Amino acid sequence: MRTIFIVATLLVCLVVYSEQTSKPKCGPHQVYKTCGTACPRACDSSKHHACPAVCKKGCFCGKGYVLVSKKSKYCIPEKDCPKCPYHNSC
């Protein structure tokens, strides 16, 4: 029984260590999350849209920042988004 406990503890430590060492470097104004949204906010996306409650690992814009566009990997302050985003009419 003690052997099983030791093996289980070692496996948990290994998983935690591999998670910490395998984190990719994120860009400016981004943070790595193990459970981020499947629908990150972007300048050209609606504030109110349906999004599945699914976890995604990866880099996400930090607080107060959004993606420049849905296809972009760059984050800018939300206040700097254009008033009339690319495909939306004003």
PDB file of N, CA and C in Angstrom:
ATOM      1  N   MET A   1       0.824  -1.194   0.000  1.00  0.00           N
ATOM      2  CA  MET A   1       0.000   0.000   0.000  1.00  0.00           C
ATOM      3  C   MET A   1       0.867   1.256   0.000  1.00  0.00           C
ATOM      4  N   ARG A   2       1.946   1.209   0.779  1.00  0.00           N
ATOM      5  CA  ARG A   2       2.848   2.367   0.843  1.00  0.00           C
ATOM      6  C   ARG A   2       3.515   2.610  -0.506  1.00  0.00           C
ATOM      7  N   THR A   3       3.852   1.544  -1.203  1.00  0.00           N
ATOM      8  CA  THR A   3       4.480   1.662  -2.521  1.00  0.00           C
ATOM      9  C   THR A   3       3.540   2.352  -3.505  1.00  0.00           C
ATOM     10  N   ILE A   4       2.263   2.014  -3.465  1.00  0.00           N
ATOM     11  CA  ILE A   4       1.278   2.636  -4.359  1.00  0.00           C
ATOM     12  C   ILE A   4       1.191   4.130  -4.071  1.00  0.00           C
ATOM     13  N   PHE A   5       1.193   4.489  -2.790  1.00  0.00           N
ATOM     14  CA  PHE A   5       1.135   5.903  -2.409  1.00  0.00           C
ATOM     15  C   PHE A   5       2.357   6.661  -2.935  1.00  0.00           C
ATOM     16  N   ILE A   6       3.528   6.082  -2.798  1.00  0.00           N
ATOM     17  CA  ILE A   6       4.764   6.730  -3.257  1.00  0.00           C
ATOM     18  C   ILE A   6       4.745   6.889  -4.779  1.00  0.00           C
ATOM     19  N   VAL A   7       4.330   5.853  -5.486  1.00  0.00           N
ATOM     20  CA  VAL A   7       4.262   5.908  -6.949  1.00  0.00           C
ATOM     21  C   VAL A   7       3.252   6.965  -7.388  1.00  0.00           C
ATOM     22  N   ALA A   8       2.094   7.009  -6.743  1.00  0.00           N
ATOM     23  CA  ALA A   8       1.072   8.002  -7.087  1.00  0.00           C
ATOM     24  C   ALA A   8       1.585   9.416  -6.832  1.00  0.00           C
ATOM     25  N   THR A   9       2.271   9.621  -5.716  1.00  0.00           N
ATOM     26  CA  THR A   9       2.834  10.936  -5.394  1.00  0.00           C
ATOM     27  C   THR A   9       3.865  11.351  -6.444  1.00  0.00           C
ATOM     28  N   LEU A  10       4.714  10.427  -6.850  1.00  0.00           N
ATOM     29  CA  LEU A  10       5.717  10.725  -7.870  1.00  0.00           C
ATOM     30  C   LEU A  10       5.064  11.079  -9.206  1.00  0.00           C
ATOM     31  N   LEU A  11       3.999  10.370  -9.571  1.00  0.00           N
ATOM     32  CA  LEU A  11       3.296  10.671 -10.818  1.00  0.00           C
ATOM     33  C   LEU A  11       2.673  12.059 -10.785  1.00  0.00           C
ATOM     34  N   VAL A  12       2.067  12.429  -9.660  1.00  0.00           N
ATOM     35  CA  VAL A  12       1.486  13.765  -9.527  1.00  0.00           C
ATOM     36  C   VAL A  12       2.568  14.825  -9.661  1.00  0.00           C
ATOM     37  N   CYS A  13       3.696  14.615  -9.000  1.00  0.00           N
ATOM     38  CA  CYS A  13       4.814  15.570  -9.084  1.00  0.00           C
ATOM     39  C   CYS A  13       5.319  15.694 -10.521  1.00  0.00           C
ATOM     40  N   LEU A  14       5.397  14.584 -11.214  1.00  0.00           N
ATOM     41  CA  LEU A  14       5.862  14.591 -12.600  1.00  0.00           C
ATOM     42  C   LEU A  14       4.903  15.367 -13.495  1.00  0.00           C
ATOM     43  N   VAL A  15       3.614  15.173 -13.326  1.00  0.00           N
ATOM     44  CA  VAL A  15       2.608  15.880 -14.126  1.00  0.00           C
ATOM     45  C   VAL A  15       2.684  17.378 -13.850  1.00  0.00           C
ATOM     46  N   VAL A  16       2.753  17.758 -12.584  1.00  0.00           N
ATOM     47  CA  VAL A  16       2.833  19.174 -12.223  1.00  0.00           C
ATOM     48  C   VAL A  16       4.105  19.782 -12.797  1.00  0.00           C
ATOM     49  N   TYR A  17       5.227  19.093 -12.674  1.00  0.00           N
ATOM     50  CA  TYR A  17       6.500  19.593 -13.203  1.00  0.00           C
ATOM     51  C   TYR A  17       6.435  19.759 -14.716  1.00  0.00           C
ATOM     52  N   SER A  18       5.877  18.781 -15.424  1.00  0.00           N
ATOM     53  CA  SER A  18       5.820  18.874 -16.890  1.00  0.00           C
ATOM     54  C   SER A  18       4.896  20.005 -17.329  1.00  0.00           C
ATOM     55  N   GLU A  19       3.805  20.247 -16.593  1.00  0.00           N
ATOM     56  CA  GLU A  19       2.903  21.371 -16.904  1.00  0.00           C
ATOM     57  C   GLU A  19       3.644  22.697 -16.761  1.00  0.00           C
ATOM     58  N   GLN A  20       4.445  22.829 -15.703  1.00  0.00           N
ATOM     59  CA  GLN A  20       5.136  24.076 -15.442  1.00  0.00           C
ATOM     60  C   GLN A  20       6.253  24.321 -16.442  1.00  0.00           C
ATOM     61  N   THR A  21       6.943  23.274 -16.870  1.00  0.00           N
ATOM     62  CA  THR A  21       8.066  23.459 -17.778  1.00  0.00           C
ATOM     63  C   THR A  21       7.626  23.524 -19.239  1.00  0.00           C
ATOM     64  N   SER A  22       6.393  23.103 -19.551  1.00  0.00           N
ATOM     65  CA  SER A  22       5.956  23.097 -20.941  1.00  0.00           C
ATOM     66  C   SER A  22       5.130  24.339 -21.305  1.00  0.00           C
ATOM     67  N   LYS A  23       5.029  25.301 -20.391  1.00  0.00           N
ATOM     68  CA  LYS A  23       4.272  26.511 -20.688  1.00  0.00           C
ATOM     69  C   LYS A  23       4.989  27.296 -21.785  1.00  0.00           C
ATOM     70  N   PRO A  24       4.268  27.647 -22.833  1.00  0.00           N
ATOM     71  CA  PRO A  24       4.904  28.452 -23.874  1.00  0.00           C
ATOM     72  C   PRO A  24       5.074  29.891 -23.399  1.00  0.00           C
ATOM     73  N   LYS A  25       5.999  30.579 -24.028  1.00  0.00           N
ATOM     74  CA  LYS A  25       6.162  32.001 -23.727  1.00  0.00           C
ATOM     75  C   LYS A  25       5.049  32.745 -24.446  1.00  0.00           C
ATOM     76  N   CYS A  26       4.396  33.611 -23.718  1.00  0.00           N
ATOM     77  CA  CYS A  26       3.303  34.384 -24.289  1.00  0.00           C
ATOM     78  C   CYS A  26       3.815  35.749 -24.735  1.00  0.00           C
ATOM     79  N   GLY A  27       3.055  36.366 -25.628  1.00  0.00           N
ATOM     80  CA  GLY A  27       3.415  37.678 -26.147  1.00  0.00           C
ATOM     81  C   GLY A  27       3.122  38.784 -25.146  1.00  0.00           C
ATOM     82  N   PRO A  28       3.389  40.021 -25.564  1.00  0.00           N
ATOM     83  CA  PRO A  28       3.114  41.163 -24.689  1.00  0.00           C
ATOM     84  C   PRO A  28       1.640  41.225 -24.315  1.00  0.00           C
ATOM     85  N   HIS A  29       1.371  41.546 -23.073  1.00  0.00           N
ATOM     86  CA  HIS A  29       0.001  41.715 -22.547  1.00  0.00           C
ATOM     87  C   HIS A  29      -0.785  40.415 -22.561  1.00  0.00           C
ATOM     88  N   GLN A  30      -0.074  39.279 -22.544  1.00  0.00           N
ATOM     89  CA  GLN A  30      -0.740  37.978 -22.530  1.00  0.00           C
ATOM     90  C   GLN A  30      -0.321  37.188 -21.304  1.00  0.00           C
ATOM     91  N   VAL A  31      -1.207  36.284 -20.878  1.00  0.00           N
ATOM     92  CA  VAL A  31      -0.928  35.375 -19.772  1.00  0.00           C
ATOM     93  C   VAL A  31      -1.263  33.954 -20.208  1.00  0.00           C
ATOM     94  N   TYR A  32      -0.523  32.991 -19.687  1.00  0.00           N
ATOM     95  CA  TYR A  32      -0.791  31.588 -19.997  1.00  0.00           C
ATOM     96  C   TYR A  32      -1.859  31.070 -19.043  1.00  0.00           C
ATOM     97  N   LYS A  33      -2.840  30.379 -19.579  1.00  0.00           N
ATOM     98  CA  LYS A  33      -3.897  29.778 -18.766  1.00  0.00           C
ATOM     99  C   LYS A  33      -4.061  28.321 -19.166  1.00  0.00           C
ATOM    100  N   THR A  34      -4.305  27.477 -18.177  1.00  0.00           N
ATOM    101  CA  THR A  34      -4.576  26.061 -18.470  1.00  0.00           C
ATOM    102  C   THR A  34      -6.050  25.855 -18.779  1.00  0.00           C
ATOM    103  N   CYS A  35      -6.885  26.836 -18.421  1.00  0.00           N
ATOM    104  CA  CYS A  35      -8.317  26.725 -18.711  1.00  0.00           C
ATOM    105  C   CYS A  35      -8.843  28.108 -19.104  1.00  0.00           C
ATOM    106  N   GLY A  36      -8.525  28.509 -20.321  1.00  0.00           N
ATOM    107  CA  GLY A  36      -9.007  29.792 -20.837  1.00  0.00           C
ATOM    108  C   GLY A  36     -10.254  29.592 -21.681  1.00  0.00           C
ATOM    109  N   THR A  37     -10.829  30.689 -22.097  1.00  0.00           N
ATOM    110  CA  THR A  37     -12.056  30.638 -22.882  1.00  0.00           C
ATOM    111  C   THR A  37     -11.819  30.153 -24.313  1.00  0.00           C
ATOM    112  N   ALA A  38     -12.816  29.504 -24.870  1.00  0.00           N
ATOM    113  CA  ALA A  38     -12.762  29.068 -26.265  1.00  0.00           C
ATOM    114  C   ALA A  38     -13.094  30.226 -27.205  1.00  0.00           C
ATOM    115  N   CYS A  39     -13.617  31.314 -26.650  1.00  0.00           N
ATOM    116  CA  CYS A  39     -14.028  32.474 -27.449  1.00  0.00           C
ATOM    117  C   CYS A  39     -13.420  33.755 -26.879  1.00  0.00           C
ATOM    118  N   PRO A  40     -12.125  33.982 -27.084  1.00  0.00           N
ATOM    119  CA  PRO A  40     -11.509  35.190 -26.532  1.00  0.00           C
ATOM    120  C   PRO A  40     -12.080  36.457 -27.163  1.00  0.00           C
ATOM    121  N   ARG A  41     -12.145  37.517 -26.386  1.00  0.00           N
ATOM    122  CA  ARG A  41     -12.660  38.800 -26.881  1.00  0.00           C
ATOM    123  C   ARG A  41     -11.693  39.389 -27.896  1.00  0.00           C
ATOM    124  N   ALA A  42     -12.261  40.028 -28.911  1.00  0.00           N
ATOM    125  CA  ALA A  42     -11.481  40.690 -29.960  1.00  0.00           C
ATOM    126  C   ALA A  42     -12.200  41.973 -30.348  1.00  0.00           C
ATOM    127  N   CYS A  43     -11.453  42.901 -30.923  1.00  0.00           N
ATOM    128  CA  CYS A  43     -12.055  44.169 -31.352  1.00  0.00           C
ATOM    129  C   CYS A  43     -13.209  43.944 -32.318  1.00  0.00           C
ATOM    130  N   ASP A  44     -13.090  42.930 -33.165  1.00  0.00           N
ATOM    131  CA  ASP A  44     -14.115  42.699 -34.184  1.00  0.00           C
ATOM    132  C   ASP A  44     -15.143  41.642 -33.776  1.00  0.00           C
ATOM    133  N   SER A  45     -15.275  41.369 -32.479  1.00  0.00           N
ATOM    134  CA  SER A  45     -16.288  40.406 -32.041  1.00  0.00           C
ATOM    135  C   SER A  45     -17.337  41.108 -31.195  1.00  0.00           C
ATOM    136  N   SER A  46     -18.491  40.527 -31.163  1.00  0.00           N
ATOM    137  CA  SER A  46     -19.595  41.063 -30.379  1.00  0.00           C
ATOM    138  C   SER A  46     -19.337  40.806 -28.898  1.00  0.00           C
ATOM    139  N   LYS A  47     -19.772  41.730 -28.056  1.00  0.00           N
ATOM    140  CA  LYS A  47     -19.614  41.534 -26.616  1.00  0.00           C
ATOM    141  C   LYS A  47     -20.567  40.470 -26.099  1.00  0.00           C
ATOM    142  N   HIS A  48     -21.669  40.253 -26.802  1.00  0.00           N
ATOM    143  CA  HIS A  48     -22.693  39.308 -26.353  1.00  0.00           C
ATOM    144  C   HIS A  48     -22.911  38.239 -27.419  1.00  0.00           C
ATOM    145  N   HIS A  49     -22.195  37.150 -27.282  1.00  0.00           N
ATOM    146  CA  HIS A  49     -22.399  36.038 -28.209  1.00  0.00           C
ATOM    147  C   HIS A  49     -22.264  34.722 -27.445  1.00  0.00           C
ATOM    148  N   ALA A  50     -22.898  33.700 -27.968  1.00  0.00           N
ATOM    149  CA  ALA A  50     -22.848  32.392 -27.325  1.00  0.00           C
ATOM    150  C   ALA A  50     -21.459  31.786 -27.484  1.00  0.00           C
ATOM    151  N   CYS A  51     -20.997  31.172 -26.421  1.00  0.00           N
ATOM    152  CA  CYS A  51     -19.674  30.549 -26.451  1.00  0.00           C
ATOM    153  C   CYS A  51     -19.735  29.256 -25.644  1.00  0.00           C
ATOM    154  N   PRO A  52     -19.221  28.150 -26.187  1.00  0.00           N
ATOM    155  CA  PRO A  52     -19.251  26.896 -25.435  1.00  0.00           C
ATOM    156  C   PRO A  52     -18.358  26.976 -24.198  1.00  0.00           C
ATOM    157  N   ALA A  53     -18.790  26.351 -23.126  1.00  0.00           N
ATOM    158  CA  ALA A  53     -18.013  26.338 -21.884  1.00  0.00           C
ATOM    159  C   ALA A  53     -16.964  25.231 -21.973  1.00  0.00           C
ATOM    160  N   VAL A  54     -15.913  25.507 -22.730  1.00  0.00           N
ATOM    161  CA  VAL A  54     -14.841  24.552 -22.971  1.00  0.00           C
ATOM    162  C   VAL A  54     -13.516  25.198 -22.571  1.00  0.00           C
ATOM    163  N   CYS A  55     -12.674  24.457 -21.867  1.00  0.00           N
ATOM    164  CA  CYS A  55     -11.355  24.965 -21.484  1.00  0.00           C
ATOM    165  C   CYS A  55     -10.376  24.825 -22.644  1.00  0.00           C
ATOM    166  N   LYS A  56      -9.577  25.863 -22.830  1.00  0.00           N
ATOM    167  CA  LYS A  56      -8.486  25.817 -23.807  1.00  0.00           C
ATOM    168  C   LYS A  56      -7.210  26.250 -23.108  1.00  0.00           C
ATOM    169  N   LYS A  57      -6.129  25.521 -23.359  1.00  0.00           N
ATOM    170  CA  LYS A  57      -4.820  25.894 -22.836  1.00  0.00           C
ATOM    171  C   LYS A  57      -4.174  26.858 -23.811  1.00  0.00           C
ATOM    172  N   GLY A  58      -3.465  27.843 -23.283  1.00  0.00           N
ATOM    173  CA  GLY A  58      -2.725  28.718 -24.170  1.00  0.00           C
ATOM    174  C   GLY A  58      -2.562  30.123 -23.629  1.00  0.00           C
ATOM    175  N   CYS A  59      -2.138  31.009 -24.504  1.00  0.00           N
ATOM    176  CA  CYS A  59      -1.917  32.404 -24.155  1.00  0.00           C
ATOM    177  C   CYS A  59      -3.193  33.198 -24.424  1.00  0.00           C
ATOM    178  N   PHE A  60      -3.564  34.030 -23.463  1.00  0.00           N
ATOM    179  CA  PHE A  60      -4.764  34.843 -23.560  1.00  0.00           C
ATOM    180  C   PHE A  60      -4.430  36.274 -23.171  1.00  0.00           C
ATOM    181  N   CYS A  61      -5.184  37.210 -23.712  1.00  0.00           N
ATOM    182  CA  CYS A  61      -4.970  38.610 -23.389  1.00  0.00           C
ATOM    183  C   CYS A  61      -5.190  38.838 -21.893  1.00  0.00           C
ATOM    184  N   GLY A  62      -4.358  39.691 -21.322  1.00  0.00           N
ATOM    185  CA  GLY A  62      -4.485  40.041 -19.918  1.00  0.00           C
ATOM    186  C   GLY A  62      -5.684  40.950 -19.685  1.00  0.00           C
ATOM    187  N   LYS A  63      -5.929  41.266 -18.437  1.00  0.00           N
ATOM    188  CA  LYS A  63      -7.076  42.086 -18.051  1.00  0.00           C
ATOM    189  C   LYS A  63      -6.999  43.455 -18.729  1.00  0.00           C
ATOM    190  N   GLY A  64      -8.124  43.854 -19.342  1.00  0.00           N
ATOM    191  CA  GLY A  64      -8.200  45.144 -20.018  1.00  0.00           C
ATOM    192  C   GLY A  64      -7.719  45.115 -21.460  1.00  0.00           C
ATOM    193  N   TYR A  65      -7.255  43.967 -21.922  1.00  0.00           N
ATOM    194  CA  TYR A  65      -6.750  43.814 -23.291  1.00  0.00           C
ATOM    195  C   TYR A  65      -7.629  42.859 -24.076  1.00  0.00           C
ATOM    196  N   VAL A  66      -7.684  43.049 -25.385  1.00  0.00           N
ATOM    197  CA  VAL A  66      -8.421  42.163 -26.292  1.00  0.00           C
ATOM    198  C   VAL A  66      -7.566  41.914 -27.526  1.00  0.00           C
ATOM    199  N   LEU A  67      -7.906  40.867 -28.264  1.00  0.00           N
ATOM    200  CA  LEU A  67      -7.210  40.609 -29.527  1.00  0.00           C
ATOM    201  C   LEU A  67      -7.552  41.704 -30.531  1.00  0.00           C
ATOM    202  N   VAL A  68      -6.613  42.033 -31.384  1.00  0.00           N
ATOM    203  CA  VAL A  68      -6.855  43.034 -32.421  1.00  0.00           C
ATOM    204  C   VAL A  68      -7.997  42.570 -33.320  1.00  0.00           C
ATOM    205  N   SER A  69      -8.005  41.286 -33.657  1.00  0.00           N
ATOM    206  CA  SER A  69      -9.089  40.686 -34.444  1.00  0.00           C
ATOM    207  C   SER A  69      -9.210  39.225 -34.028  1.00  0.00           C
ATOM    208  N   LYS A  70     -10.264  38.566 -34.470  1.00  0.00           N
ATOM    209  CA  LYS A  70     -10.475  37.159 -34.111  1.00  0.00           C
ATOM    210  C   LYS A  70      -9.332  36.270 -34.591  1.00  0.00           C
ATOM    211  N   LYS A  71      -8.684  36.640 -35.686  1.00  0.00           N
ATOM    212  CA  LYS A  71      -7.613  35.829 -36.256  1.00  0.00           C
ATOM    213  C   LYS A  71      -6.225  36.271 -35.804  1.00  0.00           C
ATOM    214  N   SER A  72      -6.167  37.316 -35.006  1.00  0.00           N
ATOM    215  CA  SER A  72      -4.895  37.871 -34.559  1.00  0.00           C
ATOM    216  C   SER A  72      -4.392  37.191 -33.294  1.00  0.00           C
ATOM    217  N   LYS A  73      -3.094  37.301 -33.060  1.00  0.00           N
ATOM    218  CA  LYS A  73      -2.489  36.803 -31.827  1.00  0.00           C
ATOM    219  C   LYS A  73      -2.002  37.968 -30.967  1.00  0.00           C
ATOM    220  N   TYR A  74      -2.294  39.200 -31.386  1.00  0.00           N
ATOM    221  CA  TYR A  74      -1.794  40.381 -30.694  1.00  0.00           C
ATOM    222  C   TYR A  74      -2.882  41.039 -29.850  1.00  0.00           C
ATOM    223  N   CYS A  75      -2.509  41.416 -28.636  1.00  0.00           N
ATOM    224  CA  CYS A  75      -3.450  42.044 -27.705  1.00  0.00           C
ATOM    225  C   CYS A  75      -3.193  43.545 -27.622  1.00  0.00           C
ATOM    226  N   ILE A  76      -4.284  44.304 -27.598  1.00  0.00           N
ATOM    227  CA  ILE A  76      -4.196  45.753 -27.431  1.00  0.00           C
ATOM    228  C   ILE A  76      -5.181  46.159 -26.338  1.00  0.00           C
ATOM    229  N   PRO A  77      -4.994  47.343 -25.747  1.00  0.00           N
ATOM    230  CA  PRO A  77      -5.979  47.792 -24.765  1.00  0.00           C
ATOM    231  C   PRO A  77      -7.358  47.868 -25.419  1.00  0.00           C
ATOM    232  N   GLU A  78      -8.375  47.397 -24.727  1.00  0.00           N
ATOM    233  CA  GLU A  78      -9.725  47.381 -25.293  1.00  0.00           C
ATOM    234  C   GLU A  78     -10.166  48.778 -25.709  1.00  0.00           C
ATOM    235  N   LYS A  79      -9.730  49.793 -24.977  1.00  0.00           N
ATOM    236  CA  LYS A  79     -10.110  51.179 -25.283  1.00  0.00           C
ATOM    237  C   LYS A  79      -9.520  51.652 -26.618  1.00  0.00           C
ATOM    238  N   ASP A  80      -8.506  50.961 -27.124  1.00  0.00           N
ATOM    239  CA  ASP A  80      -7.881  51.336 -28.396  1.00  0.00           C
ATOM    240  C   ASP A  80      -8.508  50.656 -29.613  1.00  0.00           C
ATOM    241  N   CYS A  81      -9.542  49.852 -29.402  1.00  0.00           N
ATOM    242  CA  CYS A  81     -10.224  49.225 -30.537  1.00  0.00           C
ATOM    243  C   CYS A  81     -10.878  50.312 -31.381  1.00  0.00           C
ATOM    244  N   PRO A  82     -10.897  50.126 -32.705  1.00  0.00           N
ATOM    245  CA  PRO A  82     -11.577  51.104 -33.552  1.00  0.00           C
ATOM    246  C   PRO A  82     -13.063  51.164 -33.220  1.00  0.00           C
ATOM    247  N   LYS A  83     -13.649  52.324 -33.374  1.00  0.00           N
ATOM    248  CA  LYS A  83     -15.088  52.515 -33.066  1.00  0.00           C
ATOM    249  C   LYS A  83     -15.964  51.673 -33.992  1.00  0.00           C
ATOM    250  N   CYS A  84     -15.554  51.536 -35.235  1.00  0.00           N
ATOM    251  CA  CYS A  84     -16.308  50.744 -36.222  1.00  0.00           C
ATOM    252  C   CYS A  84     -15.402  49.595 -36.670  1.00  0.00           C
ATOM    253  N   PRO A  85     -15.405  48.475 -35.937  1.00  0.00           N
ATOM    254  CA  PRO A  85     -14.522  47.364 -36.297  1.00  0.00           C
ATOM    255  C   PRO A  85     -14.711  46.915 -37.746  1.00  0.00           C
ATOM    256  N   TYR A  86     -13.679  46.371 -38.257  1.00  0.00           N
ATOM    257  CA  TYR A  86     -13.500  45.984 -39.657  1.00  0.00           C
ATOM    258  C   TYR A  86     -14.752  45.676 -40.469  1.00  0.00           C
ATOM    259  N   HIS A  87     -15.535  44.702 -40.088  1.00  0.00           N
ATOM    260  CA  HIS A  87     -16.668  44.281 -40.922  1.00  0.00           C
ATOM    261  C   HIS A  87     -18.003  44.784 -40.393  1.00  0.00           C
ATOM    262  N   ASN A  88     -18.004  45.470 -39.285  1.00  0.00           N
ATOM    263  CA  ASN A  88     -19.261  45.975 -38.726  1.00  0.00           C
ATOM    264  C   ASN A  88     -19.512  47.384 -39.271  1.00  0.00           C
ATOM    265  N   SER A  89     -20.742  47.673 -39.552  1.00  0.00           N
ATOM    266  CA  SER A  89     -21.061  49.039 -39.991  1.00  0.00           C
ATOM    267  C   SER A  89     -21.543  49.844 -38.810  1.00  0.00           C
ATOM    268  N   CYS A  90     -21.324  51.142 -38.859  1.00  0.00           N
ATOM    269  CA  CYS A  90     -21.725  52.010 -37.747  1.00  0.00           C
ATOM    270  C   CYS A  90     -23.033  52.705 -38.046  1.00  0.00           C
TER     271      CYS A  90
END
